[in-house]
N, C-alpha and C. Protein backbone atom coordinates (compact mmCIF):
# COMPACT_ATOMS: atom_id res chain seq x y z
N MET A 1 59.95 -26.58 -79.98
CA MET A 1 59.64 -27.81 -80.69
C MET A 1 59.45 -28.95 -79.69
N LYS A 2 58.32 -29.59 -79.76
CA LYS A 2 58.02 -30.69 -78.86
C LYS A 2 58.39 -32.01 -79.53
N ARG A 3 59.15 -32.83 -78.83
CA ARG A 3 59.58 -34.10 -79.38
C ARG A 3 58.88 -35.25 -78.67
N LYS A 4 58.60 -36.30 -79.42
CA LYS A 4 57.95 -37.47 -78.84
C LYS A 4 58.98 -38.49 -78.41
N ILE A 5 58.67 -39.19 -77.36
CA ILE A 5 59.53 -40.25 -76.85
C ILE A 5 59.17 -41.55 -77.57
N ASN A 6 60.19 -42.28 -77.98
CA ASN A 6 60.01 -43.53 -78.69
C ASN A 6 59.69 -44.64 -77.68
N LEU A 7 58.42 -44.78 -77.36
CA LEU A 7 57.98 -45.75 -76.36
C LEU A 7 58.23 -47.18 -76.81
N ALA A 8 58.11 -47.44 -78.11
CA ALA A 8 58.34 -48.79 -78.63
C ALA A 8 59.79 -49.20 -78.41
N LEU A 9 60.72 -48.30 -78.65
CA LEU A 9 62.14 -48.58 -78.44
C LEU A 9 62.42 -48.86 -76.96
N ILE A 10 61.84 -48.07 -76.10
CA ILE A 10 62.04 -48.24 -74.65
C ILE A 10 61.54 -49.61 -74.21
N ARG A 11 60.35 -49.97 -74.63
CA ARG A 11 59.77 -51.28 -74.25
C ARG A 11 60.61 -52.41 -74.82
N GLU A 12 60.98 -52.31 -76.08
CA GLU A 12 61.77 -53.35 -76.74
C GLU A 12 63.11 -53.57 -76.02
N LYS A 13 63.78 -52.49 -75.70
CA LYS A 13 65.08 -52.57 -75.03
C LYS A 13 64.94 -53.14 -73.61
N ARG A 14 63.89 -52.72 -72.90
CA ARG A 14 63.65 -53.23 -71.54
C ARG A 14 63.44 -54.74 -71.56
N LEU A 15 62.62 -55.20 -72.49
CA LEU A 15 62.34 -56.64 -72.58
C LEU A 15 63.59 -57.42 -72.98
N LYS A 16 64.35 -56.87 -73.91
CA LYS A 16 65.59 -57.52 -74.36
C LYS A 16 66.58 -57.68 -73.20
N LEU A 17 66.63 -56.68 -72.33
CA LEU A 17 67.54 -56.72 -71.19
C LEU A 17 66.98 -57.52 -70.00
N GLY A 18 65.69 -57.89 -70.09
CA GLY A 18 65.07 -58.70 -69.05
C GLY A 18 64.65 -57.94 -67.80
N TYR A 19 64.46 -56.63 -67.92
CA TYR A 19 64.02 -55.83 -66.78
C TYR A 19 62.51 -55.86 -66.65
N SER A 20 62.03 -55.97 -65.42
CA SER A 20 60.59 -55.92 -65.16
C SER A 20 60.16 -54.47 -64.99
N ASN A 21 58.85 -54.28 -64.96
CA ASN A 21 58.33 -52.94 -64.68
C ASN A 21 58.76 -52.49 -63.29
N GLU A 22 58.87 -53.43 -62.37
CA GLU A 22 59.31 -53.10 -61.01
C GLU A 22 60.77 -52.63 -61.00
N ASP A 23 61.62 -53.31 -61.78
CA ASP A 23 63.03 -52.88 -61.89
C ASP A 23 63.10 -51.44 -62.39
N MET A 24 62.31 -51.15 -63.41
CA MET A 24 62.35 -49.83 -64.02
C MET A 24 61.78 -48.78 -63.07
N ALA A 25 60.70 -49.11 -62.39
CA ALA A 25 60.10 -48.18 -61.43
C ALA A 25 61.11 -47.83 -60.34
N ASN A 26 61.82 -48.82 -59.85
CA ASN A 26 62.84 -48.58 -58.82
C ASN A 26 63.95 -47.68 -59.34
N SER A 27 64.38 -47.90 -60.57
CA SER A 27 65.46 -47.09 -61.17
C SER A 27 65.05 -45.64 -61.35
N LEU A 28 63.77 -45.41 -61.61
CA LEU A 28 63.29 -44.05 -61.84
C LEU A 28 62.74 -43.40 -60.57
N GLY A 29 62.74 -44.14 -59.47
CA GLY A 29 62.24 -43.59 -58.22
C GLY A 29 60.73 -43.49 -58.17
N LEU A 30 60.05 -44.36 -58.91
CA LEU A 30 58.58 -44.35 -58.91
C LEU A 30 58.05 -45.24 -57.79
N ALA A 31 56.87 -44.92 -57.31
CA ALA A 31 56.30 -45.62 -56.16
C ALA A 31 55.85 -47.04 -56.46
N SER A 32 55.50 -47.34 -57.72
CA SER A 32 55.01 -48.68 -58.04
C SER A 32 55.30 -49.03 -59.50
N PRO A 33 55.34 -50.34 -59.80
CA PRO A 33 55.55 -50.77 -61.17
C PRO A 33 54.45 -50.26 -62.12
N ASP A 34 53.25 -50.11 -61.58
CA ASP A 34 52.13 -49.63 -62.39
C ASP A 34 52.40 -48.22 -62.93
N LYS A 35 53.06 -47.40 -62.14
CA LYS A 35 53.38 -46.04 -62.58
C LYS A 35 54.35 -46.08 -63.76
N TYR A 36 55.30 -47.01 -63.73
CA TYR A 36 56.20 -47.16 -64.88
C TYR A 36 55.43 -47.69 -66.09
N PHE A 37 54.62 -48.72 -65.89
CA PHE A 37 53.83 -49.32 -66.96
C PHE A 37 53.02 -48.26 -67.71
N ARG A 38 52.39 -47.39 -66.96
CA ARG A 38 51.56 -46.34 -67.57
C ARG A 38 52.39 -45.37 -68.40
N ARG A 39 53.61 -45.11 -67.98
CA ARG A 39 54.49 -44.23 -68.75
C ARG A 39 54.93 -44.94 -70.04
N GLU A 40 55.33 -46.19 -69.92
CA GLU A 40 55.83 -46.94 -71.07
C GLU A 40 54.74 -47.13 -72.12
N HIS A 41 53.50 -47.20 -71.69
CA HIS A 41 52.39 -47.40 -72.62
C HIS A 41 51.72 -46.08 -73.04
N GLY A 42 52.26 -44.96 -72.60
CA GLY A 42 51.77 -43.67 -73.06
C GLY A 42 50.59 -43.09 -72.33
N THR A 43 50.11 -43.76 -71.28
CA THR A 43 48.99 -43.21 -70.50
C THR A 43 49.43 -41.95 -69.77
N TYR A 44 50.66 -42.00 -69.21
CA TYR A 44 51.29 -40.84 -68.60
C TYR A 44 52.58 -40.56 -69.34
N LYS A 45 53.05 -39.33 -69.25
CA LYS A 45 54.30 -38.96 -69.92
C LYS A 45 55.48 -39.13 -68.97
N PHE A 46 56.61 -39.57 -69.53
CA PHE A 46 57.83 -39.58 -68.75
C PHE A 46 58.18 -38.13 -68.43
N GLN A 47 58.64 -37.90 -67.21
CA GLN A 47 59.06 -36.56 -66.81
C GLN A 47 60.49 -36.34 -67.29
N ALA A 48 60.82 -35.10 -67.59
CA ALA A 48 62.16 -34.77 -68.07
C ALA A 48 63.24 -35.24 -67.10
N THR A 49 62.96 -35.18 -65.82
CA THR A 49 63.94 -35.59 -64.81
C THR A 49 64.16 -37.11 -64.78
N GLU A 50 63.23 -37.88 -65.36
CA GLU A 50 63.35 -39.34 -65.38
C GLU A 50 64.16 -39.84 -66.57
N LEU A 51 64.28 -39.03 -67.60
CA LEU A 51 64.91 -39.47 -68.84
C LEU A 51 66.39 -39.86 -68.70
N PRO A 52 67.21 -39.11 -67.97
CA PRO A 52 68.60 -39.54 -67.83
C PRO A 52 68.74 -40.92 -67.18
N ALA A 53 67.95 -41.20 -66.15
CA ALA A 53 68.00 -42.51 -65.48
C ALA A 53 67.50 -43.61 -66.42
N LEU A 54 66.48 -43.31 -67.19
CA LEU A 54 65.95 -44.25 -68.16
C LEU A 54 67.01 -44.58 -69.21
N SER A 55 67.64 -43.54 -69.72
CA SER A 55 68.70 -43.69 -70.72
C SER A 55 69.84 -44.56 -70.19
N LYS A 56 70.26 -44.30 -68.99
CA LYS A 56 71.37 -45.03 -68.38
C LYS A 56 71.00 -46.49 -68.14
N LYS A 57 69.83 -46.73 -67.56
CA LYS A 57 69.39 -48.09 -67.24
C LYS A 57 69.29 -48.96 -68.49
N LEU A 58 68.77 -48.39 -69.58
CA LEU A 58 68.57 -49.16 -70.80
C LEU A 58 69.75 -49.09 -71.76
N GLY A 59 70.72 -48.24 -71.47
CA GLY A 59 71.89 -48.12 -72.34
C GLY A 59 71.56 -47.49 -73.68
N ILE A 60 70.58 -46.59 -73.67
CA ILE A 60 70.19 -45.88 -74.89
C ILE A 60 70.67 -44.44 -74.75
N PRO A 61 71.44 -43.94 -75.74
CA PRO A 61 71.83 -42.52 -75.65
C PRO A 61 70.57 -41.64 -75.56
N LEU A 62 70.64 -40.63 -74.75
CA LEU A 62 69.48 -39.77 -74.49
C LEU A 62 68.84 -39.26 -75.78
N GLU A 63 69.65 -38.86 -76.74
CA GLU A 63 69.09 -38.32 -77.99
C GLU A 63 68.35 -39.37 -78.82
N LYS A 64 68.64 -40.67 -78.60
CA LYS A 64 67.97 -41.75 -79.34
C LYS A 64 66.61 -42.08 -78.75
N ILE A 65 66.31 -41.58 -77.55
CA ILE A 65 65.02 -41.87 -76.92
C ILE A 65 63.89 -41.14 -77.66
N PHE A 66 64.23 -40.07 -78.35
CA PHE A 66 63.21 -39.28 -79.04
C PHE A 66 63.05 -39.70 -80.50
N VAL A 67 61.83 -39.57 -80.99
CA VAL A 67 61.53 -39.88 -82.39
C VAL A 67 61.71 -38.64 -83.23
């Protein structure tokens, strides 16, 4: 079963916490803020290995990241 990531929740929580795309890219070990932006907007998919760091940074339980 393939589950979708709730991109709207991720963006909403990031903005509420005041994190920039650069902050998020650094937390996930991405080379540039643009790479994070593309993931958050659905152009690229978040990798499974990035989800725990994303969950921790935004304070969202891992199971809540999925729709």
